[in-house]
Amino acid sequence: MGSSSPPGNHHGHQGVVAAGHKLTASAGAEILRRGGNAIDAAIAAMAMACVCEPVLASIGGGGFAMIRGADTRLSLIDFFPKTPIERRQSGTDGTQVIHADFGTAIQAFRIGPATVATPGFVAGVHAMAGRGASMPLAELFDPAITAARSGVPVSRFAHFLSTVVRPILTATEATAALFAPDGKMLAEGATMVNPGLAEAFTVLAESDPIDNPVMAAILESQRAEGNLTDDDLQGYEAVERTPLTVKVGQSLVHLNPYPAAGGILIDHSLRQIESANPNELAEAFLATARARAAATDSLGRLDPALLRSQGTSHISVIDADGNACSVTVSNGSGNGELVDGYGFMLNNILGEDDLNPAGPAVWPTGTRMSSMMCPTLIEQPDGGLIALGSGGSNRIRTAISQVVAQLCFNDADLVAAVEAPRLHVEGEHLDFEDLLDDDTTDQLRERFVDHLAWPQRDLFYGGVHSARRGADGVLQAHGDPRRDGAAVIVEG
């Protein structure tokens, strides 16, 4: 992964990284060893996620980052996609329908150039770097560039995701050549090489964030059938916001604020509980679901800007100095077309019914989108610090709420908090992992006539990847096994 170190900073920087893939976590850890801080490590991990988690993370998507500096200053950076300034395509022009097989259900998605919203990934990286990164982007992208050129092994989880969205990954000759070069999806253990993506990060490391060949290629891919114009790319800015803060037990929990929906819904649930008891949580989630339904407009949104993220991945980093970065990224499920020469897909945010219920021809123009994503930081009363977050679409709100409750009320360690059985309430329906004690399970079944018991932990319930620095300086990290999570502790 390279061996150079930033000038004047040749010591290893102790810290922890948790993420949705072992290579993603390892890239962040490598930067900590080179002397980078938590923000440096998070940026490196984001780039690596684009290489080894391409269904979930992409230069063509966006996300949110919660950052706490060693000076304790907090900020939320919103770099989620934004709707185009104008509708250049009418109806469903520039889109096509595909069906993804999730095993338990078949879901329709629209893909194609006209499903793309303005990506914020590059702007987000620069905004994060401006909040305290200590190393140049060339250093931070180095692990991802090296991995993309030499190839990464396809993990079991990555292979599973690729089979789910196979119609997207094989929608064009170019995408099929990358993801299914012999007509079949790359098998577990196969090596995926992506020199185009390596070149994209090489260009972005040394260029203006907007005026560069990668952005020009994005614009070219939109010219015939897309909605994006140069004005969209030139006008996009990552926005720094004040986090939404709620006291849970004796801890302060910092959440993604409006216009994001996830933090608001988590805040609503957490304010109703006084323990991590599953039945109490279920009642809180039911109340939140009802409140959300009451506030939803005819298009299925909490407000005219509300769109939810489908495919997501999360990274949590804390360093020994108390810098922390919790970042969640998404590409929707991808628009099915590679940006020519650069090995990544743009998002299809406008084409997913979950995200945009009214369809790809109806969306508010020039509007910052909302999301269920909620990178989270917890400041404990004794000085401990925890970074966490999750993928999982609308299950993000319940996954994070339950882990927060375990940490703040039960003083659980990360492993116990993350692996505790989960439940999710949607409407009047309860889903739960059937791993609770009999009395608790009986009460849940009695309270929710409409329910489904899952026999084991499942990726349906999100993937909460978390990192912790105790008041005594002890470091801990845990990647949620539900989504193939991984964690690395770096000793100084």
Protein backbone atom coordinates (compact mmCIF):
# COMPACT_ATOMS: atom_id res chain seq x y z
CA MET A 1 0.00 0.00 0.00
CA GLY A 2 2.96 2.30 -0.28
CA SER A 3 5.56 3.29 2.28
CA SER A 4 5.92 7.05 2.17
CA SER A 5 5.12 9.23 5.16
CA PRO A 6 4.04 12.87 5.34
CA PRO A 7 6.94 15.28 5.84
CA GLY A 8 7.69 16.01 9.48
CA ASN A 9 5.28 13.38 10.80
CA HIS A 10 6.96 9.98 10.74
CA HIS A 11 5.50 8.43 13.88
CA GLY A 12 2.54 6.07 13.94
CA HIS A 13 -0.70 7.63 15.18
CA GLN A 14 -2.57 5.34 17.54
CA GLY A 15 -6.26 4.87 16.80
CA VAL A 16 -9.08 2.56 15.76
CA VAL A 17 -11.03 2.01 12.55
CA ALA A 18 -14.23 0.05 11.96
CA ALA A 19 -15.82 -0.36 8.53
CA GLY A 20 -17.81 -2.58 6.21
CA HIS A 21 -14.85 -4.40 4.65
CA LYS A 22 -11.48 -5.49 6.00
CA LEU A 23 -9.64 -3.61 3.26
CA THR A 24 -11.60 -0.43 4.00
CA ALA A 25 -10.63 -0.67 7.66
CA SER A 26 -7.04 -1.57 6.76
CA ALA A 27 -6.66 1.49 4.53
CA GLY A 28 -7.67 3.76 7.40
CA ALA A 29 -5.33 1.91 9.74
CA GLU A 30 -2.46 2.27 7.26
CA ILE A 31 -2.89 6.04 7.28
CA LEU A 32 -2.90 6.10 11.09
CA ARG A 33 0.37 4.15 11.06
CA ARG A 34 1.86 6.69 8.66
CA GLY A 35 1.06 9.46 11.13
CA GLY A 36 -2.34 10.62 9.91
CA ASN A 37 -5.22 11.54 12.18
CA ALA A 38 -8.82 10.28 12.28
CA ILE A 39 -9.96 12.55 9.44
CA ASP A 40 -7.05 11.45 7.25
CA ALA A 41 -7.86 7.81 7.99
CA ALA A 42 -11.57 8.26 7.24
CA ILE A 43 -10.83 9.81 3.84
CA ALA A 44 -8.47 6.96 2.97
CA ALA A 45 -11.10 4.43 4.04
CA MET A 46 -13.76 6.17 1.94
CA ALA A 47 -11.57 5.89 -1.15
CA MET A 48 -10.85 2.23 -0.45
CA ALA A 49 -14.57 1.53 0.04
CA CYS A 50 -15.08 2.67 -3.56
CA VAL A 51 -12.60 -0.02 -4.63
CA CYS A 52 -13.72 -3.00 -2.54
CA GLU A 53 -17.37 -2.04 -1.84
CA PRO A 54 -18.36 -0.67 -5.28
CA VAL A 55 -22.05 -1.56 -4.88
CA LEU A 56 -22.23 0.68 -1.80
CA ALA A 57 -19.64 3.43 -2.25
CA SER A 58 -18.64 5.49 -5.28
CA ILE A 59 -17.12 8.76 -6.39
CA GLY A 60 -20.51 9.19 -8.09
CA GLY A 61 -22.46 9.21 -4.81
CA GLY A 62 -22.27 11.11 -1.55
CA GLY A 63 -22.87 10.94 2.17
CA PHE A 64 -22.46 12.58 5.55
CA ALA A 65 -19.52 12.92 7.95
CA MET A 66 -19.72 13.72 11.67
CA ILE A 67 -16.40 15.15 12.85
CA ARG A 68 -15.12 15.92 16.32
CA GLY A 69 -11.77 17.63 16.60
CA ALA A 70 -9.32 17.12 19.44
CA ASP A 71 -10.54 20.57 20.56
CA THR A 72 -14.02 18.91 20.98
CA ARG A 73 -15.61 21.09 18.25
CA LEU A 74 -18.33 19.16 16.44
CA SER A 75 -19.64 19.53 12.90
CA LEU A 76 -21.73 17.54 10.43
CA ILE A 77 -20.66 17.74 6.79
CA ASP A 78 -23.51 17.08 4.35
CA PHE A 79 -22.21 15.95 0.96
CA PHE A 80 -25.26 13.97 -0.06
CA PRO A 81 -26.46 14.24 -3.70
CA LYS A 82 -28.56 17.21 -4.76
CA THR A 83 -31.34 17.19 -7.34
CA PRO A 84 -30.45 18.76 -10.71
CA ILE A 85 -31.20 22.41 -11.30
CA GLU A 86 -33.53 21.62 -14.19
CA ARG A 87 -35.36 18.64 -15.70
CA ARG A 88 -33.73 18.16 -19.09
CA GLN A 89 -35.46 14.80 -19.67
CA SER A 90 -39.21 14.31 -19.75
CA GLY A 91 -41.16 11.37 -18.36
CA THR A 92 -38.93 8.30 -18.10
CA ASP A 93 -36.58 9.29 -20.92
CA GLY A 94 -33.02 8.26 -20.09
CA THR A 95 -34.12 5.51 -17.69
CA GLN A 96 -34.81 1.79 -17.79
CA VAL A 97 -36.42 -0.56 -15.28
CA ILE A 98 -34.51 -3.49 -13.74
CA HIS A 99 -35.47 -5.90 -10.97
CA ALA A 100 -33.19 -6.76 -8.06
CA ASP A 101 -33.66 -10.12 -6.34
CA PHE A 102 -33.22 -9.80 -2.57
CA GLY A 103 -34.25 -13.42 -1.99
CA THR A 104 -37.25 -12.50 0.17
CA ALA A 105 -38.52 -9.92 -2.33
CA ILE A 106 -38.07 -8.61 -5.86
CA GLN A 107 -37.63 -4.84 -6.07
CA ALA A 108 -37.86 -2.65 -9.15
CA PHE A 109 -35.32 0.10 -9.73
CA ARG A 110 -34.84 2.62 -12.50
CA ILE A 111 -31.32 3.12 -13.76
CA GLY A 112 -29.77 5.14 -16.56
CA PRO A 113 -28.42 8.68 -17.03
CA ALA A 114 -31.65 10.45 -16.06
CA THR A 115 -31.70 8.83 -12.59
CA VAL A 116 -28.54 10.66 -11.52
CA ALA A 117 -28.48 13.40 -8.89
CA THR A 118 -25.51 15.74 -8.48
CA PRO A 119 -22.78 13.71 -6.72
CA GLY A 120 -21.13 15.14 -3.60
CA PHE A 121 -18.35 12.64 -2.84
CA VAL A 122 -15.45 14.77 -4.08
CA ALA A 123 -16.78 17.94 -2.46
CA GLY A 124 -17.23 15.97 0.77
CA VAL A 125 -13.64 14.75 0.75
CA HIS A 126 -12.36 18.31 0.34
CA ALA A 127 -14.67 19.61 3.06
CA MET A 128 -13.52 16.87 5.44
CA ALA A 129 -9.89 17.60 4.62
CA GLY A 130 -10.53 21.23 5.46
CA ARG A 131 -11.72 20.23 8.94
CA GLY A 132 -8.30 19.03 10.01
CA ALA A 133 -6.70 16.53 7.68
CA SER A 134 -2.91 16.56 8.04
CA MET A 135 -1.87 14.67 4.89
CA PRO A 136 -2.25 15.45 1.16
CA LEU A 137 -4.90 13.62 -0.84
CA ALA A 138 -2.22 11.84 -2.86
CA GLU A 139 -1.14 10.12 0.37
CA LEU A 140 -4.68 9.42 1.49
CA PHE A 141 -5.75 7.95 -1.85
CA ASP A 142 -2.57 5.89 -2.19
CA PRO A 143 -3.94 2.68 -0.59
CA ALA A 144 -7.03 2.78 -2.81
CA ILE A 145 -5.04 3.54 -5.97
CA THR A 146 -2.64 0.67 -5.29
CA ALA A 147 -5.48 -1.74 -4.53
CA ALA A 148 -7.49 -0.78 -7.62
CA ARG A 149 -4.48 -1.29 -9.88
CA SER A 150 -3.30 -4.59 -8.36
CA GLY A 151 -6.78 -5.95 -7.70
CA VAL A 152 -8.80 -6.86 -4.62
CA PRO A 153 -10.29 -10.24 -3.72
CA VAL A 154 -14.09 -10.38 -3.90
CA SER A 155 -15.45 -11.12 -0.43
CA ARG A 156 -18.41 -13.38 0.22
CA PHE A 157 -20.57 -10.41 1.16
CA ALA A 158 -19.49 -8.41 -1.90
CA HIS A 159 -20.31 -11.37 -4.14
CA PHE A 160 -23.74 -11.71 -2.53
CA LEU A 161 -24.50 -8.01 -3.07
CA SER A 162 -23.37 -8.25 -6.68
CA THR A 163 -25.79 -11.11 -7.35
CA VAL A 164 -28.65 -9.11 -5.82
CA VAL A 165 -28.08 -6.15 -8.15
CA ARG A 166 -26.72 -8.15 -11.07
CA PRO A 167 -29.02 -6.41 -13.60
CA ILE A 168 -27.44 -3.08 -12.64
CA LEU A 169 -23.87 -4.36 -12.77
CA THR A 170 -24.41 -5.90 -16.21
CA ALA A 171 -26.65 -3.22 -17.73
CA THR A 172 -24.02 -2.13 -20.25
CA GLU A 173 -21.04 -3.78 -21.92
CA ALA A 174 -18.65 -1.68 -19.86
CA THR A 175 -20.20 -2.55 -16.49
CA ALA A 176 -20.44 -6.21 -17.44
CA ALA A 177 -16.78 -6.26 -18.48
CA LEU A 178 -15.81 -5.00 -15.02
CA PHE A 179 -18.18 -6.96 -12.77
CA ALA A 180 -18.88 -10.07 -14.88
CA PRO A 181 -16.00 -10.39 -17.35
CA ASP A 182 -16.79 -14.00 -18.34
CA GLY A 183 -20.55 -13.60 -18.30
CA LYS A 184 -20.87 -14.49 -14.62
CA MET A 185 -20.51 -12.25 -11.59
CA LEU A 186 -17.01 -12.40 -10.14
CA ALA A 187 -16.98 -15.26 -7.64
CA GLU A 188 -15.93 -15.08 -4.01
CA GLY A 189 -12.15 -15.02 -3.92
CA ALA A 190 -11.77 -13.80 -7.50
CA THR A 191 -9.62 -10.73 -8.08
CA MET A 192 -11.27 -7.53 -9.26
CA VAL A 193 -8.93 -5.12 -11.01
CA ASN A 194 -10.07 -1.56 -11.77
CA PRO A 195 -7.34 0.56 -13.38
CA GLY A 196 -9.90 3.19 -14.39
CA LEU A 197 -10.83 3.83 -10.76
CA ALA A 198 -7.14 4.03 -9.85
CA GLU A 199 -6.74 6.69 -12.52
CA ALA A 200 -9.79 8.58 -11.22
CA PHE A 201 -8.32 8.85 -7.72
CA THR A 202 -4.91 9.75 -9.17
CA VAL A 203 -6.50 12.64 -11.08
CA LEU A 204 -8.64 13.79 -8.14
CA ALA A 205 -5.66 13.77 -5.78
CA GLU A 206 -3.82 16.40 -7.82
CA SER A 207 -6.64 18.46 -9.36
CA ASP A 208 -9.16 21.16 -8.60
CA PRO A 209 -12.24 19.43 -7.12
CA ILE A 210 -14.48 20.64 -9.96
CA ASP A 211 -12.36 21.54 -12.97
CA ASN A 212 -10.70 18.22 -13.72
CA PRO A 213 -10.97 15.39 -16.29
CA VAL A 214 -13.05 13.15 -13.99
CA MET A 215 -15.75 15.77 -13.57
CA ALA A 216 -15.62 16.45 -17.30
CA ALA A 217 -16.23 12.74 -17.93
CA ILE A 218 -19.17 12.79 -15.51
CA LEU A 219 -20.65 15.71 -17.43
CA GLU A 220 -20.08 13.97 -20.77
CA SER A 221 -21.95 10.87 -19.49
CA GLN A 222 -24.94 13.13 -18.80
CA ARG A 223 -24.91 15.11 -22.01
CA ALA A 224 -27.32 13.05 -24.12
CA GLU A 225 -29.86 11.58 -21.70
CA GLY A 226 -29.07 12.94 -18.23
CA ASN A 227 -30.22 15.99 -16.30
CA LEU A 228 -26.91 17.27 -14.94
CA THR A 229 -25.17 20.26 -16.48
CA ASP A 230 -21.97 22.11 -15.72
CA ASP A 231 -24.01 24.46 -13.53
CA ASP A 232 -24.94 21.52 -11.29
CA LEU A 233 -21.32 20.46 -10.81
CA GLN A 234 -20.03 24.02 -10.42
CA GLY A 235 -22.80 24.94 -8.01
CA TYR A 236 -22.55 21.94 -5.68
CA GLU A 237 -21.08 22.60 -2.23
CA ALA A 238 -20.71 20.40 0.82
CA VAL A 239 -22.61 22.03 3.68
CA GLU A 240 -21.38 22.15 7.27
CA ARG A 241 -24.18 21.89 9.82
CA THR A 242 -24.56 21.90 13.60
CA PRO A 243 -25.32 18.36 14.82
CA LEU A 244 -28.61 17.48 16.48
CA THR A 245 -27.82 16.56 20.10
CA VAL A 246 -29.90 14.51 22.54
CA LYS A 247 -29.04 13.40 26.08
CA VAL A 248 -29.42 9.65 26.57
CA GLY A 249 -28.78 8.54 30.12
CA GLN A 250 -25.80 10.66 31.07
CA SER A 251 -24.26 10.72 27.59
CA LEU A 252 -24.58 13.26 24.79
CA VAL A 253 -25.50 11.70 21.45
CA HIS A 254 -24.81 13.77 18.33
CA LEU A 255 -26.93 13.01 15.26
CA ASN A 256 -27.36 14.08 11.63
CA PRO A 257 -29.59 17.20 11.66
CA TYR A 258 -32.32 18.46 9.31
CA PRO A 259 -32.72 18.16 6.36
CA ALA A 260 -31.64 14.58 7.01
CA ALA A 261 -34.49 12.44 8.32
CA GLY A 262 -32.50 9.74 10.11
CA GLY A 263 -31.27 11.89 12.97
CA ILE A 264 -34.69 13.42 13.58
CA LEU A 265 -36.32 9.99 13.79
CA ILE A 266 -33.60 8.57 16.03
CA ASP A 267 -33.92 11.61 18.30
CA HIS A 268 -37.70 11.02 18.47
CA SER A 269 -37.21 7.41 19.55
CA LEU A 270 -34.39 8.04 22.03
CA ARG A 271 -36.36 10.73 23.87
CA GLN A 272 -39.05 8.16 24.70
CA ILE A 273 -36.90 5.48 26.31
CA GLU A 274 -35.26 5.08 29.70
CA SER A 275 -33.65 1.69 29.11
CA ALA A 276 -32.50 -0.71 26.41
CA ASN A 277 -35.41 -3.06 27.11
CA PRO A 278 -36.57 -4.47 23.72
CA ASN A 279 -40.26 -4.00 24.54
CA GLU A 280 -39.70 -0.38 25.50
CA LEU A 281 -37.70 0.15 22.32
CA ALA A 282 -40.44 -1.48 20.24
CA GLU A 283 -43.03 0.92 21.69
CA ALA A 284 -40.75 3.87 20.95
CA PHE A 285 -40.19 2.71 17.39
CA LEU A 286 -43.93 2.26 16.91
CA ALA A 287 -44.56 5.80 18.13
CA THR A 288 -41.86 7.12 15.81
CA ALA A 289 -43.29 5.18 12.87
CA ARG A 290 -46.72 6.65 13.56
CA ALA A 291 -45.34 10.16 13.93
CA ARG A 292 -43.43 9.76 10.70
CA ALA A 293 -46.54 8.54 8.89
CA ALA A 294 -48.53 11.50 10.19
CA ALA A 295 -45.87 13.90 8.89
CA THR A 296 -45.49 12.25 5.50
CA ASP A 297 -46.87 13.98 2.43
CA SER A 298 -48.67 12.37 -0.51
CA LEU A 299 -45.35 11.57 -2.21
CA GLY A 300 -44.21 9.42 0.70
CA ARG A 301 -41.83 12.02 2.14
CA LEU A 302 -41.45 13.79 5.46
CA ASP A 303 -40.97 16.98 3.49
CA PRO A 304 -40.57 17.85 -0.20
CA ALA A 305 -36.82 17.12 -0.04
CA LEU A 306 -36.92 13.75 1.73
CA LEU A 307 -35.26 10.93 -0.17
CA ARG A 308 -33.78 7.89 1.54
CA SER A 309 -30.52 6.10 0.80
CA GLN A 310 -30.61 2.46 -0.27
CA GLY A 311 -27.07 1.04 -0.57
CA THR A 312 -24.84 2.41 2.17
CA SER A 313 -21.57 1.72 3.95
CA HIS A 314 -20.19 3.21 7.16
CA ILE A 315 -16.74 4.02 8.56
CA SER A 316 -15.86 4.99 12.14
CA VAL A 317 -12.43 6.30 13.18
CA ILE A 318 -11.04 7.67 16.45
CA ASP A 319 -7.40 8.58 17.08
CA ALA A 320 -5.40 8.84 20.28
CA ASP A 321 -5.70 12.64 20.38
CA GLY A 322 -9.50 12.50 20.50
CA ASN A 323 -10.18 13.35 16.85
CA ALA A 324 -13.13 11.32 15.59
CA CYS A 325 -14.84 10.88 12.25
CA SER A 326 -18.04 8.94 11.64
CA VAL A 327 -18.91 8.85 7.93
CA THR A 328 -21.65 7.11 5.96
CA VAL A 329 -21.58 6.97 2.16
CA SER A 330 -24.01 5.80 -0.51
CA ASN A 331 -24.40 5.48 -4.26
CA GLY A 332 -28.06 4.45 -4.23
CA SER A 333 -27.65 1.19 -6.11
CA GLY A 334 -25.78 2.71 -9.07
CA ASN A 335 -27.15 3.92 -12.40
CA GLY A 336 -25.79 0.97 -14.42
CA GLU A 337 -23.27 2.95 -16.49
CA LEU A 338 -19.55 3.45 -15.90
CA VAL A 339 -18.12 6.94 -16.27
CA ASP A 340 -16.02 6.47 -19.38
CA GLY A 341 -12.41 5.64 -18.56
CA TYR A 342 -12.75 5.94 -14.79
CA GLY A 343 -14.29 2.70 -13.51
CA PHE A 344 -17.17 3.97 -11.33
CA MET A 345 -20.92 4.40 -11.63
CA LEU A 346 -22.89 7.50 -10.84
CA ASN A 347 -25.79 7.22 -8.40
CA ASN A 348 -29.39 6.40 -9.36
CA ILE A 349 -30.95 8.35 -6.49
CA LEU A 350 -33.78 9.69 -8.66
CA GLY A 351 -34.70 6.22 -9.92
CA GLU A 352 -35.35 4.25 -6.72
CA ASP A 353 -38.95 4.07 -5.52
CA ASP A 354 -37.74 3.85 -1.91
CA LEU A 355 -35.89 7.11 -2.37
CA ASN A 356 -38.15 8.94 -4.78
CA PRO A 357 -41.67 7.44 -4.58
CA ALA A 358 -43.12 9.78 -7.20
CA GLY A 359 -40.79 8.45 -9.90
CA PRO A 360 -37.79 9.75 -11.88
CA ALA A 361 -39.81 12.46 -13.65
CA VAL A 362 -41.00 14.12 -10.41
CA TRP A 363 -38.58 15.73 -7.98
CA PRO A 364 -37.94 19.19 -6.54
CA THR A 365 -35.25 20.86 -8.65
CA GLY A 366 -32.02 22.16 -7.16
CA THR A 367 -32.80 20.71 -3.75
CA ARG A 368 -30.49 19.24 -1.13
CA MET A 369 -31.72 15.71 -0.56
CA SER A 370 -32.45 14.18 2.78
CA SER A 371 -31.46 10.71 3.93
CA MET A 372 -31.88 8.08 6.63
CA MET A 373 -28.10 7.99 7.02
CA CYS A 374 -26.95 9.14 10.43
CA PRO A 375 -23.25 9.08 11.32
CA THR A 376 -23.24 9.39 15.11
CA LEU A 377 -20.88 10.40 17.91
CA ILE A 378 -21.42 9.75 21.62
CA GLU A 379 -19.64 11.76 24.33
CA GLN A 380 -19.77 9.82 27.59
CA PRO A 381 -19.84 11.54 30.99
CA ASP A 382 -16.45 10.12 32.01
CA GLY A 383 -14.78 11.49 28.86
CA GLY A 384 -15.15 8.40 26.69
CA LEU A 385 -15.90 8.89 23.00
CA ILE A 386 -17.73 6.57 20.58
CA ALA A 387 -18.18 6.84 16.80
CA LEU A 388 -20.78 4.70 15.05
CA GLY A 389 -23.20 4.54 12.15
CA SER A 390 -24.94 2.08 9.89
CA GLY A 391 -26.16 1.18 6.45
CA GLY A 392 -29.58 -0.39 6.00
CA SER A 393 -32.02 2.06 4.41
CA ASN A 394 -34.95 2.73 6.74
CA ARG A 395 -33.57 0.25 9.31
CA ILE A 396 -30.73 2.68 10.01
CA ARG A 397 -32.84 4.59 12.51
CA THR A 398 -33.71 1.53 14.61
CA ALA A 399 -30.26 -0.06 14.35
CA ILE A 400 -28.50 3.05 15.65
CA SER A 401 -31.14 3.67 18.33
CA GLN A 402 -30.71 0.18 19.74
CA VAL A 403 -26.92 0.30 19.83
CA VAL A 404 -27.01 3.76 21.43
CA ALA A 405 -29.45 2.48 24.07
CA GLN A 406 -27.17 -0.45 24.88
CA LEU A 407 -24.15 1.84 25.21
CA CYS A 408 -25.83 4.62 27.18
CA PHE A 409 -28.15 2.66 29.49
CA ASN A 410 -26.41 -0.70 29.85
CA ASP A 411 -22.81 0.57 29.63
CA ALA A 412 -22.27 -2.29 27.18
CA ASP A 413 -18.99 -2.77 25.38
CA LEU A 414 -19.07 -2.41 21.61
CA VAL A 415 -19.33 -6.10 20.84
CA ALA A 416 -22.29 -6.63 23.18
CA ALA A 417 -24.02 -3.45 22.01
CA VAL A 418 -23.65 -4.20 18.30
CA GLU A 419 -24.45 -7.90 18.45
CA ALA A 420 -27.48 -7.64 20.74
CA PRO A 421 -30.60 -8.96 18.93
CA ARG A 422 -32.36 -6.24 16.93
CA LEU A 423 -35.91 -5.36 16.03
CA HIS A 424 -37.50 -2.97 13.57
CA VAL A 425 -40.98 -1.45 13.39
CA GLU A 426 -42.41 -0.22 10.10
CA GLY A 427 -46.02 0.91 10.20
CA GLU A 428 -47.69 -1.54 12.58
CA HIS A 429 -45.40 -4.43 11.57
CA LEU A 430 -42.58 -5.78 13.75
CA ASP A 431 -39.50 -7.61 12.47
CA PHE A 432 -37.15 -9.03 15.08
CA GLU A 433 -34.17 -11.31 15.42
CA ASP A 434 -35.56 -14.26 17.36
CA LEU A 435 -32.64 -14.46 19.77
CA LEU A 436 -34.22 -12.82 22.82
CA ASP A 437 -35.35 -14.58 25.99
CA ASP A 438 -38.74 -16.28 25.91
CA ASP A 439 -40.55 -13.77 28.12
CA THR A 440 -39.43 -10.81 26.02
CA THR A 441 -40.29 -12.59 22.79
CA ASP A 442 -43.73 -13.56 24.07
CA GLN A 443 -44.47 -9.93 24.97
CA LEU A 444 -43.37 -8.73 21.53
CA ARG A 445 -45.51 -11.31 19.75
CA GLU A 446 -48.52 -10.38 21.87
CA ARG A 447 -48.05 -6.64 21.32
CA PHE A 448 -47.51 -6.93 17.55
CA VAL A 449 -49.93 -9.30 15.93
CA ASP A 450 -48.34 -8.47 12.60
CA HIS A 451 -44.77 -9.68 13.09
CA LEU A 452 -42.00 -11.71 11.53
CA ALA A 453 -39.35 -13.53 13.56
CA TRP A 454 -35.95 -13.91 11.90
CA PRO A 455 -34.05 -17.01 13.07
CA GLN A 456 -30.62 -15.35 13.13
CA ARG A 457 -28.81 -12.04 12.85
CA ASP A 458 -29.33 -10.64 9.36
CA LEU A 459 -28.04 -7.82 7.15
CA PHE A 460 -31.64 -6.58 6.97
CA TYR A 461 -31.05 -4.98 10.38
CA GLY A 462 -28.16 -2.80 9.23
CA GLY A 463 -24.46 -2.92 9.94
CA VAL A 464 -23.35 -0.75 12.87
CA HIS A 465 -19.57 -0.33 12.64
CA SER A 466 -18.25 1.38 15.76
CA ALA A 467 -15.07 2.70 17.39
CA ARG A 468 -14.43 3.75 20.98
CA ARG A 469 -11.77 5.59 22.95
CA GLY A 470 -12.32 5.17 26.66
CA ALA A 471 -11.63 7.84 29.22
CA ASP A 472 -8.54 5.81 30.16
CA GLY A 473 -7.32 5.90 26.56
CA VAL A 474 -8.17 2.25 25.87
CA LEU A 475 -9.21 1.73 22.26
CA GLN A 476 -11.88 -0.66 20.99
CA ALA A 477 -13.55 -1.19 17.61
CA HIS A 478 -16.10 -3.62 16.23
CA GLY A 479 -17.44 -4.26 12.75
CA ASP A 480 -21.01 -5.54 12.65
CA PRO A 481 -20.95 -9.18 11.45
CA ARG A 482 -24.40 -8.68 9.89
CA ARG A 483 -22.69 -6.74 7.09
CA ASP A 484 -19.22 -8.27 7.03
CA GLY A 485 -17.80 -5.57 9.29
CA ALA A 486 -14.11 -5.35 10.15
CA ALA A 487 -12.07 -3.43 12.70
CA VAL A 488 -8.41 -2.58 13.24
CA ILE A 489 -6.70 -1.20 16.34
CA VAL A 490 -3.45 0.65 15.67
CA GLU A 491 -0.98 0.79 18.53
CA GLY A 492 1.21 3.88 18.67
